[in-house]
Amino acid sequence: MSQNLASIELTAAEITILSGALQTIRTTLGDRAMSLTQDQRKTLVKMGDNTRVFCQQAVAGLQQNAGSMPPDLDVPGLVQDFTDYTALEIFVAEYEAVGELLDDTLKALSSDVMTNSIVGVTFLKALNKINPALDTLLDSLKLVRRRKSTKAAIPAVA
């Protein structure tokens, strides 16, 4: 009847290590990392899987003919951007895979907690019939559930 999809039992030292790993990424990139607005994320022209070969060939061609390019076209900067993109995309793919693993683990833990809480409260309700001392706890659980559902039902005012 009990659900236990995940059980990771993180130690304080492991939490510190995980936090340090994320901080290392932030520290290493520092001010060079970009924070885009939602609008920028939507409207920027971006290289994708289908246009990568085009960009790769264009960068190589521009680099070979850099002397013939207008001075305001920063070919060395373009080459560096492509090199950095290539280096970072490997880390981003791994970061996303780890993020998905963390997200799945969090969902499994959440499901364990919610499912077992519901089952446990069902037993508490049955136990309350012979031990009315649980009235206060059960009433507080009802209030918490009611408060959460009330907040969700109220539309946000813009």
C-alpha atoms as a PDB file:
ATOM      1  CA  MET A   1       0.000   0.000   0.000  1.00  0.00           C
ATOM      2  CA  SER A   2       2.943   2.320   0.670  1.00  0.00           C
ATOM      3  CA  GLN A   3       4.760   3.973  -2.242  1.00  0.00           C
ATOM      4  CA  ASN A   4       8.534   4.426  -2.348  1.00  0.00           C
ATOM      5  CA  LEU A   5       9.669   5.371  -5.858  1.00  0.00           C
ATOM      6  CA  ALA A   6      12.759   7.212  -4.615  1.00  0.00           C
ATOM      7  CA  SER A   7      14.873   7.265  -1.486  1.00  0.00           C
ATOM      8  CA  ILE A   8      18.109   9.202  -1.777  1.00  0.00           C
ATOM      9  CA  GLU A   9      18.889  10.167   1.832  1.00  0.00           C
ATOM     10  CA  LEU A  10      21.164  13.134   1.080  1.00  0.00           C
ATOM     11  CA  THR A  11      23.717  13.958   3.733  1.00  0.00           C
ATOM     12  CA  ALA A  12      24.584  17.536   4.651  1.00  0.00           C
ATOM     13  CA  ALA A  13      27.998  17.017   3.042  1.00  0.00           C
ATOM     14  CA  GLU A  14      26.406  15.865  -0.228  1.00  0.00           C
ATOM     15  CA  ILE A  15      24.074  18.878  -0.278  1.00  0.00           C
ATOM     16  CA  THR A  16      27.107  21.115   0.211  1.00  0.00           C
ATOM     17  CA  ILE A  17      28.917  19.357  -2.663  1.00  0.00           C
ATOM     18  CA  LEU A  18      25.909  19.741  -4.985  1.00  0.00           C
ATOM     19  CA  SER A  19      25.542  23.402  -4.079  1.00  0.00           C
ATOM     20  CA  GLY A  20      29.273  23.912  -4.611  1.00  0.00           C
ATOM     21  CA  ALA A  21      29.091  22.334  -8.058  1.00  0.00           C
ATOM     22  CA  LEU A  22      26.421  24.801  -9.148  1.00  0.00           C
ATOM     23  CA  GLN A  23      28.357  27.672  -7.589  1.00  0.00           C
ATOM     24  CA  THR A  24      31.468  26.569  -9.507  1.00  0.00           C
ATOM     25  CA  ILE A  25      29.572  26.978 -12.776  1.00  0.00           C
ATOM     26  CA  ARG A  26      28.384  30.451 -11.770  1.00  0.00           C
ATOM     27  CA  THR A  27      31.825  31.502 -10.575  1.00  0.00           C
ATOM     28  CA  THR A  28      33.626  30.131 -13.630  1.00  0.00           C
ATOM     29  CA  LEU A  29      31.321  31.913 -16.077  1.00  0.00           C
ATOM     30  CA  GLY A  30      30.910  35.008 -13.907  1.00  0.00           C
ATOM     31  CA  ASP A  31      29.777  38.127 -15.714  1.00  0.00           C
ATOM     32  CA  ARG A  32      30.397  36.488 -19.091  1.00  0.00           C
ATOM     33  CA  ALA A  33      27.203  34.419 -18.810  1.00  0.00           C
ATOM     34  CA  MET A  34      24.118  36.001 -20.333  1.00  0.00           C
ATOM     35  CA  SER A  35      20.688  36.488 -18.823  1.00  0.00           C
ATOM     36  CA  LEU A  36      18.147  37.083 -21.578  1.00  0.00           C
ATOM     37  CA  THR A  37      14.663  38.490 -21.190  1.00  0.00           C
ATOM     38  CA  GLN A  38      11.670  36.393 -22.241  1.00  0.00           C
ATOM     39  CA  ASP A  39      11.265  38.639 -25.277  1.00  0.00           C
ATOM     40  CA  GLN A  40      14.905  38.160 -26.272  1.00  0.00           C
ATOM     41  CA  ARG A  41      14.576  34.382 -25.930  1.00  0.00           C
ATOM     42  CA  LYS A  42      11.615  34.470 -28.320  1.00  0.00           C
ATOM     43  CA  THR A  43      12.911  36.945 -30.889  1.00  0.00           C
ATOM     44  CA  LEU A  44      16.662  36.339 -31.209  1.00  0.00           C
ATOM     45  CA  VAL A  45      17.793  34.603 -34.403  1.00  0.00           C
ATOM     46  CA  LYS A  46      19.315  31.344 -33.202  1.00  0.00           C
ATOM     47  CA  MET A  47      21.441  28.580 -34.651  1.00  0.00           C
ATOM     48  CA  GLY A  48      19.767  25.199 -34.369  1.00  0.00           C
ATOM     49  CA  ASP A  49      20.434  21.628 -35.378  1.00  0.00           C
ATOM     50  CA  ASN A  50      19.298  22.341 -38.959  1.00  0.00           C
ATOM     51  CA  THR A  51      21.410  25.494 -39.351  1.00  0.00           C
ATOM     52  CA  ARG A  52      24.569  24.403 -37.545  1.00  0.00           C
ATOM     53  CA  VAL A  53      26.313  23.105 -40.685  1.00  0.00           C
ATOM     54  CA  PHE A  54      25.472  26.372 -42.485  1.00  0.00           C
ATOM     55  CA  CYS A  55      26.989  28.382 -39.626  1.00  0.00           C
ATOM     56  CA  GLN A  56      30.039  26.111 -39.390  1.00  0.00           C
ATOM     57  CA  GLN A  57      30.758  26.501 -43.106  1.00  0.00           C
ATOM     58  CA  ALA A  58      30.049  30.236 -43.013  1.00  0.00           C
ATOM     59  CA  VAL A  59      32.439  30.769 -40.084  1.00  0.00           C
ATOM     60  CA  ALA A  60      35.168  28.762 -41.868  1.00  0.00           C
ATOM     61  CA  GLY A  61      34.628  30.706 -45.115  1.00  0.00           C
ATOM     62  CA  LEU A  62      34.616  34.061 -43.349  1.00  0.00           C
ATOM     63  CA  GLN A  63      37.755  33.137 -41.446  1.00  0.00           C
ATOM     64  CA  GLN A  64      39.545  32.205 -44.710  1.00  0.00           C
ATOM     65  CA  ASN A  65      38.476  35.510 -46.277  1.00  0.00           C
ATOM     66  CA  ALA A  66      38.695  37.746 -43.191  1.00  0.00           C
ATOM     67  CA  GLY A  67      40.855  40.310 -45.013  1.00  0.00           C
ATOM     68  CA  SER A  68      38.082  40.925 -47.551  1.00  0.00           C
ATOM     69  CA  MET A  69      35.340  41.433 -44.976  1.00  0.00           C
ATOM     70  CA  PRO A  70      34.131  44.858 -43.860  1.00  0.00           C
ATOM     71  CA  PRO A  71      35.951  46.078 -40.735  1.00  0.00           C
ATOM     72  CA  ASP A  72      32.771  46.113 -38.631  1.00  0.00           C
ATOM     73  CA  LEU A  73      32.295  42.344 -39.126  1.00  0.00           C
ATOM     74  CA  ASP A  74      34.277  40.925 -36.199  1.00  0.00           C
ATOM     75  CA  VAL A  75      35.438  37.663 -37.754  1.00  0.00           C
ATOM     76  CA  PRO A  76      37.802  36.741 -34.887  1.00  0.00           C
ATOM     77  CA  GLY A  77      34.938  37.397 -32.451  1.00  0.00           C
ATOM     78  CA  LEU A  78      32.629  35.229 -34.570  1.00  0.00           C
ATOM     79  CA  VAL A  79      35.181  32.399 -34.597  1.00  0.00           C
ATOM     80  CA  GLN A  80      35.529  32.677 -30.811  1.00  0.00           C
ATOM     81  CA  ASP A  81      31.740  32.692 -30.353  1.00  0.00           C
ATOM     82  CA  PHE A  82      31.431  29.507 -32.414  1.00  0.00           C
ATOM     83  CA  THR A  83      34.296  27.875 -30.489  1.00  0.00           C
ATOM     84  CA  ASP A  84      32.694  28.833 -27.152  1.00  0.00           C
ATOM     85  CA  TYR A  85      29.291  27.642 -28.363  1.00  0.00           C
ATOM     86  CA  THR A  86      30.741  24.274 -29.305  1.00  0.00           C
ATOM     87  CA  ALA A  87      32.493  23.942 -25.931  1.00  0.00           C
ATOM     88  CA  LEU A  88      29.450  24.998 -23.891  1.00  0.00           C
ATOM     89  CA  GLU A  89      26.907  22.893 -25.791  1.00  0.00           C
ATOM     90  CA  ILE A  90      28.591  19.739 -24.470  1.00  0.00           C
ATOM     91  CA  PHE A  91      28.173  20.976 -20.900  1.00  0.00           C
ATOM     92  CA  VAL A  92      24.615  22.152 -21.516  1.00  0.00           C
ATOM     93  CA  ALA A  93      23.611  18.733 -22.841  1.00  0.00           C
ATOM     94  CA  GLU A  94      25.063  17.094 -19.722  1.00  0.00           C
ATOM     95  CA  TYR A  95      23.535  19.793 -17.503  1.00  0.00           C
ATOM     96  CA  GLU A  96      20.108  19.183 -19.071  1.00  0.00           C
ATOM     97  CA  ALA A  97      20.471  15.415 -18.615  1.00  0.00           C
ATOM     98  CA  VAL A  98      21.379  15.926 -14.947  1.00  0.00           C
ATOM     99  CA  GLY A  99      18.553  18.458 -14.618  1.00  0.00           C
ATOM    100  CA  GLU A 100      16.087  15.926 -16.021  1.00  0.00           C
ATOM    101  CA  LEU A 101      17.409  13.296 -13.614  1.00  0.00           C
ATOM    102  CA  LEU A 102      17.010  15.730 -10.694  1.00  0.00           C
ATOM    103  CA  ASP A 103      13.533  16.729 -11.874  1.00  0.00           C
ATOM    104  CA  ASP A 104      12.439  13.096 -12.190  1.00  0.00           C
ATOM    105  CA  THR A 105      13.849  12.322  -8.736  1.00  0.00           C
ATOM    106  CA  LEU A 106      12.055  15.348  -7.279  1.00  0.00           C
ATOM    107  CA  LYS A 107       8.783  14.266  -8.903  1.00  0.00           C
ATOM    108  CA  ALA A 108       9.209  10.711  -7.583  1.00  0.00           C
ATOM    109  CA  LEU A 109       9.932  11.987  -4.060  1.00  0.00           C
ATOM    110  CA  SER A 110       6.961  14.358  -4.296  1.00  0.00           C
ATOM    111  CA  SER A 111       4.721  11.514  -5.416  1.00  0.00           C
ATOM    112  CA  ASP A 112       5.940   9.338  -2.542  1.00  0.00           C
ATOM    113  CA  VAL A 113       5.229  12.092  -0.023  1.00  0.00           C
ATOM    114  CA  MET A 114       1.812  12.995  -1.445  1.00  0.00           C
ATOM    115  CA  THR A 115       0.617   9.418  -1.990  1.00  0.00           C
ATOM    116  CA  ASN A 116       1.731   8.242   1.439  1.00  0.00           C
ATOM    117  CA  SER A 117       0.342  11.373   3.101  1.00  0.00           C
ATOM    118  CA  ILE A 118      -3.084  10.714   1.561  1.00  0.00           C
ATOM    119  CA  VAL A 119      -2.973   7.059   2.640  1.00  0.00           C
ATOM    120  CA  GLY A 120      -1.770   8.037   6.105  1.00  0.00           C
ATOM    121  CA  VAL A 121      -4.485  10.655   6.571  1.00  0.00           C
ATOM    122  CA  THR A 122      -7.082   8.055   5.571  1.00  0.00           C
ATOM    123  CA  PHE A 123      -5.800   5.873   8.406  1.00  0.00           C
ATOM    124  CA  LEU A 124      -5.745   8.867  10.772  1.00  0.00           C
ATOM    125  CA  LYS A 125      -9.412   9.532   9.967  1.00  0.00           C
ATOM    126  CA  ALA A 126     -10.282   5.925  10.774  1.00  0.00           C
ATOM    127  CA  LEU A 127      -8.169   6.047  13.945  1.00  0.00           C
ATOM    128  CA  ASN A 128      -9.875   9.300  14.937  1.00  0.00           C
ATOM    129  CA  LYS A 129     -13.126   7.399  15.432  1.00  0.00           C
ATOM    130  CA  ILE A 130     -11.585   5.618  18.414  1.00  0.00           C
ATOM    131  CA  ASN A 131      -9.161   8.401  19.425  1.00  0.00           C
ATOM    132  CA  PRO A 132     -10.858  11.822  19.124  1.00  0.00           C
ATOM    133  CA  ALA A 133      -7.611  13.503  20.190  1.00  0.00           C
ATOM    134  CA  LEU A 134      -6.727  13.564  16.490  1.00  0.00           C
ATOM    135  CA  ASP A 135      -9.517  16.088  15.765  1.00  0.00           C
ATOM    136  CA  THR A 136      -7.140  19.055  16.013  1.00  0.00           C
ATOM    137  CA  LEU A 137      -4.625  17.534  13.586  1.00  0.00           C
ATOM    138  CA  LEU A 138      -7.314  16.522  11.093  1.00  0.00           C
ATOM    139  CA  ASP A 139      -8.958  19.958  11.303  1.00  0.00           C
ATOM    140  CA  SER A 140      -5.615  21.654  10.614  1.00  0.00           C
ATOM    141  CA  LEU A 141      -5.047  19.355   7.609  1.00  0.00           C
ATOM    142  CA  LYS A 142      -8.472  20.332   6.242  1.00  0.00           C
ATOM    143  CA  LEU A 143      -7.616  24.023   6.666  1.00  0.00           C
ATOM    144  CA  VAL A 144      -4.318  23.646   4.837  1.00  0.00           C
ATOM    145  CA  ARG A 145      -5.963  21.818   1.925  1.00  0.00           C
ATOM    146  CA  ARG A 146      -8.820  24.332   1.817  1.00  0.00           C
ATOM    147  CA  ARG A 147      -6.385  27.279   1.898  1.00  0.00           C
ATOM    148  CA  LYS A 148      -4.338  25.850  -0.994  1.00  0.00           C
ATOM    149  CA  SER A 149      -7.408  25.154  -3.158  1.00  0.00           C
ATOM    150  CA  THR A 150      -8.863  28.607  -2.388  1.00  0.00           C
ATOM    151  CA  LYS A 151      -5.645  30.317  -3.538  1.00  0.00           C
ATOM    152  CA  ALA A 152      -5.643  28.315  -6.755  1.00  0.00           C
ATOM    153  CA  ALA A 153      -9.293  29.210  -7.440  1.00  0.00           C
ATOM    154  CA  ILE A 154      -8.756  32.985  -7.093  1.00  0.00           C
ATOM    155  CA  PRO A 155      -7.688  34.440 -10.475  1.00  0.00           C
ATOM    156  CA  ALA A 156      -4.630  36.682 -10.432  1.00  0.00           C
ATOM    157  CA  VAL A 157      -5.303  40.384 -10.924  1.00  0.00           C
ATOM    158  CA  ALA A 158      -3.034  41.967 -13.527  1.00  0.00           C
END
